[in-house]
Amino acid sequence: MSHFFQDMPVGLEIDLGVFTFTADHIKRYASHYDPQPFHLDETAAQNSHFGALCASGWQTASIWMRLFVLYSQKEASKLEAQNKPVAQMGPGLGVKNLRWLKPVYAGDTLHYFTTILAKRPSESRPGWGLITARNWAVNQNDVLVFECETTALLERRAG
């Protein structure tokens, strides 16, 4: 995340950016990771309960992760350019309440966000804190299509 635990207030909403799902991208992802017919073939998708080619829910979650990492890298670069220290992000500790609320179809553009829900110092790892966040995406019609909660370790500023 680049910023220290102390700099991440509860309620902070982070705009991670947008991603447009193309038919080609959906099919390439599905062929490797979720080879179900409605992710791979337009005709099969039309005959499914989705009615059209749609992205794997795992793909929507993977794009959230990619945008989160890219955001963190960009923030780290900004801090480094200002000669400010960059906090280390620890490992993720889990995902809860993962939900795919609406299908994501070829041509849909999702806007991804992260909101800090809670934080607390780590009891077992001095110098670290735990950040719990709601991660979510809306489509081009502002309809919520994806959400989950994650918890991760984040370095605390010394002192």
N, C-alpha and C. Protein backbone atom coordinates (compact mmCIF):
# COMPACT_ATOMS: atom_id res chain seq x y z
N MET A 1 0.83 -1.19 0.00
CA MET A 1 0.00 0.00 0.00
C MET A 1 0.87 1.25 0.00
N SER A 2 2.12 1.15 0.43
CA SER A 2 3.13 2.22 0.36
C SER A 2 3.09 3.18 1.54
N HIS A 3 1.90 3.54 1.99
CA HIS A 3 1.80 4.44 3.14
C HIS A 3 1.81 3.59 4.42
N PHE A 4 2.26 4.19 5.49
CA PHE A 4 2.33 3.48 6.75
C PHE A 4 0.94 3.30 7.37
N PHE A 5 0.85 2.33 8.25
CA PHE A 5 -0.37 1.99 8.96
C PHE A 5 -1.04 3.25 9.54
N GLN A 6 -0.24 4.12 10.16
CA GLN A 6 -0.78 5.32 10.80
C GLN A 6 -1.40 6.29 9.79
N ASP A 7 -1.01 6.18 8.53
CA ASP A 7 -1.48 7.11 7.49
C ASP A 7 -2.74 6.63 6.77
N MET A 8 -3.28 5.51 7.21
CA MET A 8 -4.43 4.91 6.53
C MET A 8 -5.65 4.97 7.45
N PRO A 9 -6.40 6.05 7.43
CA PRO A 9 -7.54 6.18 8.35
C PRO A 9 -8.71 5.28 7.95
N VAL A 10 -9.43 4.82 8.95
CA VAL A 10 -10.66 4.08 8.69
C VAL A 10 -11.59 5.01 7.90
N GLY A 11 -12.20 4.47 6.87
CA GLY A 11 -13.09 5.26 6.01
C GLY A 11 -12.43 5.74 4.74
N LEU A 12 -11.10 5.68 4.68
CA LEU A 12 -10.39 6.12 3.47
C LEU A 12 -10.83 5.28 2.29
N GLU A 13 -11.28 5.94 1.21
CA GLU A 13 -11.66 5.25 -0.02
C GLU A 13 -10.59 5.51 -1.07
N ILE A 14 -10.11 4.45 -1.67
CA ILE A 14 -9.05 4.54 -2.67
C ILE A 14 -9.63 4.14 -4.02
N ASP A 15 -9.48 5.00 -5.00
CA ASP A 15 -9.90 4.73 -6.37
C ASP A 15 -8.76 4.01 -7.07
N LEU A 16 -8.96 2.75 -7.40
CA LEU A 16 -7.91 1.94 -8.01
C LEU A 16 -7.88 2.05 -9.53
N GLY A 17 -8.94 2.53 -10.13
CA GLY A 17 -8.97 2.66 -11.58
C GLY A 17 -10.01 1.78 -12.24
N VAL A 18 -9.93 1.72 -13.55
CA VAL A 18 -10.93 1.02 -14.34
C VAL A 18 -10.29 -0.05 -15.23
N PHE A 19 -11.12 -0.98 -15.62
CA PHE A 19 -10.68 -2.04 -16.54
C PHE A 19 -11.87 -2.42 -17.41
N THR A 20 -11.63 -2.52 -18.72
CA THR A 20 -12.66 -2.95 -19.65
C THR A 20 -12.40 -4.40 -20.05
N PHE A 21 -13.43 -5.21 -19.89
CA PHE A 21 -13.35 -6.64 -20.19
C PHE A 21 -13.71 -6.86 -21.65
N THR A 22 -12.74 -7.30 -22.44
CA THR A 22 -13.01 -7.63 -23.84
C THR A 22 -13.29 -9.12 -23.96
N ALA A 23 -13.93 -9.50 -25.05
CA ALA A 23 -14.20 -10.92 -25.29
C ALA A 23 -12.89 -11.71 -25.33
N ASP A 24 -11.88 -11.17 -25.98
CA ASP A 24 -10.60 -11.86 -26.08
C ASP A 24 -9.97 -12.06 -24.70
N HIS A 25 -9.98 -11.03 -23.89
CA HIS A 25 -9.39 -11.13 -22.55
C HIS A 25 -10.16 -12.16 -21.70
N ILE A 26 -11.48 -12.13 -21.78
CA ILE A 26 -12.31 -13.08 -21.03
C ILE A 26 -11.97 -14.52 -21.45
N LYS A 27 -11.89 -14.75 -22.74
CA LYS A 27 -11.61 -16.10 -23.24
C LYS A 27 -10.21 -16.57 -22.87
N ARG A 28 -9.22 -15.68 -22.98
CA ARG A 28 -7.84 -16.07 -22.63
C ARG A 28 -7.74 -16.44 -21.16
N TYR A 29 -8.34 -15.63 -20.29
CA TYR A 29 -8.31 -15.93 -18.86
C TYR A 29 -9.01 -17.27 -18.60
N ALA A 30 -10.19 -17.42 -19.16
CA ALA A 30 -10.98 -18.63 -18.92
C ALA A 30 -10.26 -19.87 -19.43
N SER A 31 -9.60 -19.77 -20.56
CA SER A 31 -8.93 -20.95 -21.12
C SER A 31 -7.83 -21.46 -20.18
N HIS A 32 -7.26 -20.57 -19.40
CA HIS A 32 -6.20 -20.96 -18.45
C HIS A 32 -6.73 -21.32 -17.08
N TYR A 33 -7.76 -20.59 -16.60
CA TYR A 33 -8.11 -20.68 -15.19
C TYR A 33 -9.55 -21.06 -14.87
N ASP A 34 -10.47 -20.89 -15.78
CA ASP A 34 -11.88 -21.18 -15.49
C ASP A 34 -12.59 -21.57 -16.78
N PRO A 35 -12.24 -22.74 -17.33
CA PRO A 35 -12.70 -23.10 -18.68
C PRO A 35 -14.14 -23.59 -18.76
N GLN A 36 -15.04 -22.79 -18.27
CA GLN A 36 -16.46 -23.11 -18.40
C GLN A 36 -16.98 -22.53 -19.72
N PRO A 37 -17.94 -23.21 -20.35
CA PRO A 37 -18.40 -22.81 -21.69
C PRO A 37 -18.86 -21.36 -21.79
N PHE A 38 -19.54 -20.84 -20.77
CA PHE A 38 -20.06 -19.47 -20.86
C PHE A 38 -18.97 -18.41 -20.73
N HIS A 39 -17.73 -18.83 -20.44
CA HIS A 39 -16.58 -17.91 -20.44
C HIS A 39 -15.74 -18.06 -21.72
N LEU A 40 -16.02 -19.11 -22.48
CA LEU A 40 -15.15 -19.44 -23.62
C LEU A 40 -15.80 -19.30 -24.99
N ASP A 41 -17.11 -19.42 -25.05
CA ASP A 41 -17.78 -19.54 -26.34
C ASP A 41 -19.08 -18.73 -26.34
N GLU A 42 -19.21 -17.83 -27.31
CA GLU A 42 -20.39 -16.98 -27.38
C GLU A 42 -21.69 -17.77 -27.52
N THR A 43 -21.68 -18.80 -28.35
CA THR A 43 -22.91 -19.59 -28.55
C THR A 43 -23.29 -20.32 -27.28
N ALA A 44 -22.33 -20.96 -26.66
CA ALA A 44 -22.61 -21.65 -25.39
C ALA A 44 -23.09 -20.65 -24.34
N ALA A 45 -22.49 -19.48 -24.33
CA ALA A 45 -22.88 -18.45 -23.36
C ALA A 45 -24.31 -17.97 -23.60
N GLN A 46 -24.68 -17.81 -24.89
CA GLN A 46 -26.05 -17.39 -25.21
C GLN A 46 -27.08 -18.39 -24.72
N ASN A 47 -26.70 -19.65 -24.71
CA ASN A 47 -27.61 -20.72 -24.30
C ASN A 47 -27.53 -21.01 -22.80
N SER A 48 -26.71 -20.27 -22.09
CA SER A 48 -26.59 -20.46 -20.64
C SER A 48 -27.52 -19.49 -19.91
N HIS A 49 -27.57 -19.60 -18.61
CA HIS A 49 -28.41 -18.66 -17.83
C HIS A 49 -27.86 -17.24 -17.86
N PHE A 50 -26.60 -17.04 -18.34
CA PHE A 50 -26.04 -15.69 -18.45
C PHE A 50 -26.52 -14.97 -19.71
N GLY A 51 -26.78 -15.72 -20.78
CA GLY A 51 -27.30 -15.15 -22.01
C GLY A 51 -26.27 -14.50 -22.91
N ALA A 52 -25.03 -14.39 -22.47
CA ALA A 52 -23.97 -13.80 -23.28
C ALA A 52 -22.63 -14.14 -22.63
N LEU A 53 -21.57 -13.97 -23.40
CA LEU A 53 -20.22 -14.23 -22.89
C LEU A 53 -19.95 -13.36 -21.67
N CYS A 54 -19.50 -13.98 -20.60
CA CYS A 54 -19.23 -13.21 -19.38
C CYS A 54 -17.91 -13.65 -18.76
N ALA A 55 -17.34 -12.75 -17.98
CA ALA A 55 -16.06 -12.99 -17.32
C ALA A 55 -16.23 -13.91 -16.13
N SER A 56 -15.19 -14.65 -15.85
CA SER A 56 -15.14 -15.44 -14.63
C SER A 56 -15.12 -14.49 -13.43
N GLY A 57 -15.83 -14.87 -12.38
CA GLY A 57 -15.75 -14.08 -11.15
C GLY A 57 -14.32 -13.99 -10.64
N TRP A 58 -13.57 -15.08 -10.83
CA TRP A 58 -12.16 -15.06 -10.40
C TRP A 58 -11.36 -14.03 -11.20
N GLN A 59 -11.74 -13.83 -12.44
CA GLN A 59 -11.07 -12.81 -13.25
C GLN A 59 -11.36 -11.42 -12.70
N THR A 60 -12.60 -11.16 -12.30
CA THR A 60 -12.92 -9.84 -11.74
C THR A 60 -12.11 -9.61 -10.46
N ALA A 61 -11.94 -10.66 -9.65
CA ALA A 61 -11.13 -10.54 -8.43
C ALA A 61 -9.66 -10.35 -8.77
N SER A 62 -9.17 -11.05 -9.78
CA SER A 62 -7.77 -10.92 -10.19
C SER A 62 -7.47 -9.51 -10.69
N ILE A 63 -8.41 -8.93 -11.41
CA ILE A 63 -8.21 -7.55 -11.89
C ILE A 63 -8.17 -6.60 -10.71
N TRP A 64 -9.01 -6.81 -9.70
CA TRP A 64 -8.91 -5.98 -8.48
C TRP A 64 -7.50 -6.07 -7.93
N MET A 65 -6.95 -7.28 -7.80
CA MET A 65 -5.61 -7.45 -7.23
C MET A 65 -4.57 -6.72 -8.07
N ARG A 66 -4.66 -6.86 -9.37
CA ARG A 66 -3.71 -6.18 -10.27
C ARG A 66 -3.76 -4.66 -10.09
N LEU A 67 -4.97 -4.11 -10.08
CA LEU A 67 -5.10 -2.66 -9.93
C LEU A 67 -4.63 -2.20 -8.55
N PHE A 68 -4.87 -3.01 -7.53
CA PHE A 68 -4.40 -2.68 -6.18
C PHE A 68 -2.87 -2.63 -6.14
N VAL A 69 -2.21 -3.63 -6.73
CA VAL A 69 -0.75 -3.66 -6.75
C VAL A 69 -0.20 -2.49 -7.57
N LEU A 70 -0.79 -2.21 -8.72
CA LEU A 70 -0.32 -1.08 -9.54
C LEU A 70 -0.50 0.24 -8.81
N TYR A 71 -1.62 0.41 -8.11
CA TYR A 71 -1.84 1.61 -7.31
C TYR A 71 -0.75 1.73 -6.24
N SER A 72 -0.47 0.65 -5.54
CA SER A 72 0.54 0.66 -4.49
C SER A 72 1.92 1.01 -5.04
N GLN A 73 2.25 0.46 -6.20
CA GLN A 73 3.54 0.77 -6.84
C GLN A 73 3.62 2.25 -7.22
N LYS A 74 2.54 2.78 -7.73
CA LYS A 74 2.50 4.20 -8.12
C LYS A 74 2.68 5.09 -6.89
N GLU A 75 1.98 4.75 -5.80
CA GLU A 75 2.12 5.52 -4.56
C GLU A 75 3.54 5.44 -4.02
N ALA A 76 4.16 4.26 -4.09
CA ALA A 76 5.54 4.09 -3.63
C ALA A 76 6.48 4.98 -4.46
N SER A 77 6.27 5.03 -5.75
CA SER A 77 7.11 5.88 -6.62
C SER A 77 6.97 7.35 -6.25
N LYS A 78 5.75 7.79 -5.95
CA LYS A 78 5.54 9.18 -5.54
C LYS A 78 6.29 9.49 -4.26
N LEU A 79 6.19 8.59 -3.29
CA LEU A 79 6.88 8.81 -2.01
C LEU A 79 8.39 8.81 -2.20
N GLU A 80 8.90 7.89 -2.99
CA GLU A 80 10.34 7.84 -3.25
C GLU A 80 10.82 9.11 -3.94
N ALA A 81 10.03 9.65 -4.87
CA ALA A 81 10.40 10.88 -5.57
C ALA A 81 10.47 12.06 -4.61
N GLN A 82 9.75 11.98 -3.49
CA GLN A 82 9.76 13.03 -2.47
C GLN A 82 10.75 12.71 -1.34
N ASN A 83 11.56 11.67 -1.55
CA ASN A 83 12.51 11.20 -0.53
C ASN A 83 11.84 10.86 0.79
N LYS A 84 10.64 10.31 0.70
CA LYS A 84 9.91 9.87 1.89
C LYS A 84 10.00 8.35 1.99
N PRO A 85 9.95 7.83 3.21
CA PRO A 85 10.02 6.37 3.36
C PRO A 85 8.74 5.69 2.85
N VAL A 86 8.92 4.48 2.37
CA VAL A 86 7.82 3.68 1.84
C VAL A 86 7.59 2.50 2.78
N ALA A 87 6.37 2.34 3.22
CA ALA A 87 6.03 1.23 4.11
C ALA A 87 6.00 -0.08 3.34
N GLN A 88 6.35 -1.13 4.04
CA GLN A 88 6.26 -2.47 3.46
C GLN A 88 4.86 -3.03 3.68
N MET A 89 4.34 -3.65 2.66
CA MET A 89 3.05 -4.34 2.75
C MET A 89 3.36 -5.78 3.08
N GLY A 90 2.73 -6.28 4.12
CA GLY A 90 2.91 -7.68 4.47
C GLY A 90 1.96 -8.55 3.66
N PRO A 91 1.93 -9.81 4.00
CA PRO A 91 1.06 -10.71 3.24
C PRO A 91 -0.41 -10.49 3.57
N GLY A 92 -1.24 -10.88 2.63
CA GLY A 92 -2.67 -10.91 2.89
C GLY A 92 -2.97 -12.04 3.87
N LEU A 93 -3.91 -11.81 4.76
CA LEU A 93 -4.23 -12.79 5.78
C LEU A 93 -5.56 -13.49 5.53
N GLY A 94 -6.25 -13.09 4.49
CA GLY A 94 -7.49 -13.77 4.17
C GLY A 94 -8.48 -12.90 3.43
N VAL A 95 -9.47 -13.57 2.88
CA VAL A 95 -10.57 -12.94 2.16
C VAL A 95 -11.87 -13.45 2.78
N LYS A 96 -12.79 -12.53 3.02
CA LYS A 96 -14.11 -12.89 3.54
C LYS A 96 -15.18 -12.27 2.65
N ASN A 97 -16.33 -12.87 2.69
CA ASN A 97 -17.52 -12.32 2.04
C ASN A 97 -17.30 -11.98 0.57
N LEU A 98 -16.57 -12.84 -0.13
CA LEU A 98 -16.37 -12.66 -1.57
C LEU A 98 -17.70 -12.90 -2.27
N ARG A 99 -18.13 -11.90 -3.04
CA ARG A 99 -19.43 -12.00 -3.73
C ARG A 99 -19.32 -11.45 -5.15
N TRP A 100 -19.90 -12.20 -6.07
CA TRP A 100 -20.06 -11.75 -7.44
C TRP A 100 -21.54 -11.50 -7.62
N LEU A 101 -21.92 -10.24 -7.63
CA LEU A 101 -23.33 -9.87 -7.54
C LEU A 101 -24.06 -9.81 -8.87
N LYS A 102 -23.34 -9.50 -9.92
CA LYS A 102 -23.92 -9.43 -11.26
C LYS A 102 -22.88 -9.93 -12.25
N PRO A 103 -23.31 -10.50 -13.36
CA PRO A 103 -22.34 -10.93 -14.38
C PRO A 103 -21.59 -9.72 -14.97
N VAL A 104 -20.37 -9.98 -15.37
CA VAL A 104 -19.55 -8.99 -16.07
C VAL A 104 -19.41 -9.50 -17.50
N TYR A 105 -20.00 -8.76 -18.43
CA TYR A 105 -20.05 -9.17 -19.83
C TYR A 105 -18.93 -8.53 -20.64
N ALA A 106 -18.64 -9.15 -21.77
CA ALA A 106 -17.68 -8.56 -22.71
C ALA A 106 -18.15 -7.15 -23.04
N GLY A 107 -17.24 -6.20 -22.94
CA GLY A 107 -17.56 -4.79 -23.18
C GLY A 107 -17.82 -4.00 -21.92
N ASP A 108 -18.06 -4.68 -20.80
CA ASP A 108 -18.27 -3.96 -19.53
C ASP A 108 -16.97 -3.34 -19.04
N THR A 109 -17.10 -2.16 -18.46
CA THR A 109 -15.98 -1.48 -17.82
C THR A 109 -16.27 -1.40 -16.33
N LEU A 110 -15.36 -1.97 -15.54
CA LEU A 110 -15.53 -1.93 -14.09
C LEU A 110 -14.62 -0.88 -13.49
N HIS A 111 -15.15 -0.20 -12.48
CA HIS A 111 -14.40 0.79 -11.71
C HIS A 111 -14.19 0.17 -10.33
N TYR A 112 -12.92 0.03 -9.94
CA TYR A 112 -12.55 -0.67 -8.71
C TYR A 112 -12.16 0.30 -7.60
N PHE A 113 -12.50 -0.09 -6.38
CA PHE A 113 -12.22 0.72 -5.20
C PHE A 113 -11.81 -0.16 -4.02
N THR A 114 -11.14 0.45 -3.07
CA THR A 114 -10.84 -0.16 -1.78
C THR A 114 -11.18 0.86 -0.71
N THR A 115 -11.86 0.43 0.33
CA THR A 115 -12.20 1.30 1.46
C THR A 115 -11.71 0.65 2.75
N ILE A 116 -10.98 1.41 3.56
CA ILE A 116 -10.48 0.90 4.84
C ILE A 116 -11.65 0.79 5.81
N LEU A 117 -11.90 -0.43 6.29
CA LEU A 117 -13.01 -0.67 7.22
C LEU A 117 -12.56 -0.64 8.68
N ALA A 118 -11.39 -1.19 8.95
CA ALA A 118 -10.91 -1.31 10.33
C ALA A 118 -9.40 -1.46 10.31
N LYS A 119 -8.80 -1.15 11.45
CA LYS A 119 -7.36 -1.34 11.60
C LYS A 119 -7.03 -1.50 13.07
N ARG A 120 -5.96 -2.25 13.32
CA ARG A 120 -5.50 -2.42 14.68
C ARG A 120 -4.04 -2.83 14.66
N PRO A 121 -3.28 -2.45 15.68
CA PRO A 121 -1.89 -2.91 15.76
C PRO A 121 -1.86 -4.43 15.90
N SER A 122 -0.87 -5.05 15.33
CA SER A 122 -0.70 -6.49 15.48
C SER A 122 -0.21 -6.81 16.87
N GLU A 123 -0.82 -7.79 17.50
CA GLU A 123 -0.39 -8.21 18.82
C GLU A 123 0.82 -9.14 18.74
N SER A 124 0.97 -9.86 17.65
CA SER A 124 2.04 -10.85 17.54
C SER A 124 3.24 -10.36 16.73
N ARG A 125 3.09 -9.27 15.99
CA ARG A 125 4.18 -8.76 15.16
C ARG A 125 4.40 -7.28 15.45
N PRO A 126 5.30 -6.98 16.38
CA PRO A 126 5.59 -5.57 16.66
C PRO A 126 6.04 -4.86 15.38
N GLY A 127 5.60 -3.64 15.23
CA GLY A 127 5.98 -2.88 14.05
C GLY A 127 5.02 -3.04 12.88
N TRP A 128 3.97 -3.83 13.09
CA TRP A 128 3.02 -4.06 12.02
C TRP A 128 1.60 -3.82 12.52
N GLY A 129 0.71 -3.53 11.59
CA GLY A 129 -0.70 -3.39 11.90
C GLY A 129 -1.52 -4.20 10.92
N LEU A 130 -2.75 -4.44 11.28
CA LEU A 130 -3.67 -5.17 10.41
C LEU A 130 -4.70 -4.19 9.86
N ILE A 131 -4.86 -4.22 8.56
CA ILE A 131 -5.82 -3.37 7.86
C ILE A 131 -6.88 -4.28 7.25
N THR A 132 -8.13 -4.00 7.53
CA THR A 132 -9.24 -4.72 6.89
C THR A 132 -9.92 -3.75 5.94
N ALA A 133 -10.14 -4.22 4.73
CA ALA A 133 -10.69 -3.34 3.69
C ALA A 133 -11.84 -4.02 2.96
N ARG A 134 -12.76 -3.19 2.51
CA ARG A 134 -13.79 -3.63 1.57
C ARG A 134 -13.28 -3.29 0.18
N ASN A 135 -13.28 -4.26 -0.70
CA ASN A 135 -12.83 -4.09 -2.07
C ASN A 135 -14.04 -4.33 -2.96
N TRP A 136 -14.25 -3.45 -3.93
CA TRP A 136 -15.48 -3.54 -4.69
C TRP A 136 -15.33 -2.92 -6.06
N ALA A 137 -16.28 -3.30 -6.93
CA ALA A 137 -16.28 -2.75 -8.29
C ALA A 137 -17.72 -2.53 -8.74
N VAL A 138 -17.90 -1.46 -9.48
CA VAL A 138 -19.17 -1.16 -10.13
C VAL A 138 -18.95 -1.15 -11.64
N ASN A 139 -20.00 -1.50 -12.37
CA ASN A 139 -19.89 -1.46 -13.82
C ASN A 139 -20.19 -0.06 -14.35
N GLN A 140 -20.21 0.09 -15.66
CA GLN A 140 -20.42 1.39 -16.30
C GLN A 140 -21.79 1.98 -15.98
N ASN A 141 -22.70 1.17 -15.46
CA ASN A 141 -24.02 1.66 -15.05
C ASN A 141 -24.10 1.92 -13.55
N ASP A 142 -22.94 1.91 -12.90
CA ASP A 142 -22.82 2.13 -11.46
C ASP A 142 -23.52 1.04 -10.64
N VAL A 143 -23.55 -0.17 -11.18
CA VAL A 143 -24.14 -1.32 -10.51
C VAL A 143 -23.01 -2.11 -9.84
N LEU A 144 -23.17 -2.40 -8.56
CA LEU A 144 -22.18 -3.19 -7.83
C LEU A 144 -22.14 -4.60 -8.39
N VAL A 145 -20.95 -5.05 -8.82
CA VAL A 145 -20.83 -6.37 -9.43
C VAL A 145 -19.90 -7.30 -8.66
N PHE A 146 -19.01 -6.75 -7.83
CA PHE A 146 -18.00 -7.54 -7.13
C PHE A 146 -17.69 -6.88 -5.80
N GLU A 147 -17.51 -7.70 -4.75
CA GLU A 147 -17.00 -7.17 -3.50
C GLU A 147 -16.42 -8.29 -2.65
N CYS A 148 -15.50 -7.91 -1.78
CA CYS A 148 -14.93 -8.83 -0.80
C CYS A 148 -14.26 -8.00 0.28
N GLU A 149 -13.98 -8.66 1.40
CA GLU A 149 -13.21 -8.04 2.47
C GLU A 149 -11.87 -8.75 2.56
N THR A 150 -10.82 -7.98 2.72
CA THR A 150 -9.49 -8.55 2.88
C THR A 150 -8.83 -7.97 4.13
N THR A 151 -7.93 -8.75 4.69
CA THR A 151 -7.12 -8.28 5.80
C THR A 151 -5.66 -8.54 5.44
N ALA A 152 -4.82 -7.55 5.69
CA ALA A 152 -3.40 -7.67 5.37
C ALA A 152 -2.57 -6.95 6.42
N LEU A 153 -1.31 -7.35 6.50
CA LEU A 153 -0.37 -6.67 7.37
C LEU A 153 0.20 -5.45 6.67
N LEU A 154 0.42 -4.38 7.42
CA LEU A 154 1.01 -3.16 6.90
C LEU A 154 1.97 -2.62 7.94
N GLU A 155 3.15 -2.23 7.48
CA GLU A 155 4.19 -1.75 8.38
C GLU A 155 3.75 -0.48 9.11
N ARG A 156 4.09 -0.42 10.39
CA ARG A 156 3.84 0.78 11.20
C ARG A 156 5.09 1.64 11.21
N ARG A 157 4.91 2.94 11.24
CA ARG A 157 6.02 3.86 11.35
C ARG A 157 6.61 3.71 12.74
N ALA A 158 7.91 3.68 12.85
CA ALA A 158 8.59 3.53 14.14
C ALA A 158 8.29 4.75 15.02
N GLY A 159 8.23 4.49 16.31
CA GLY A 159 8.04 5.59 17.25
C GLY A 159 6.68 5.82 17.62
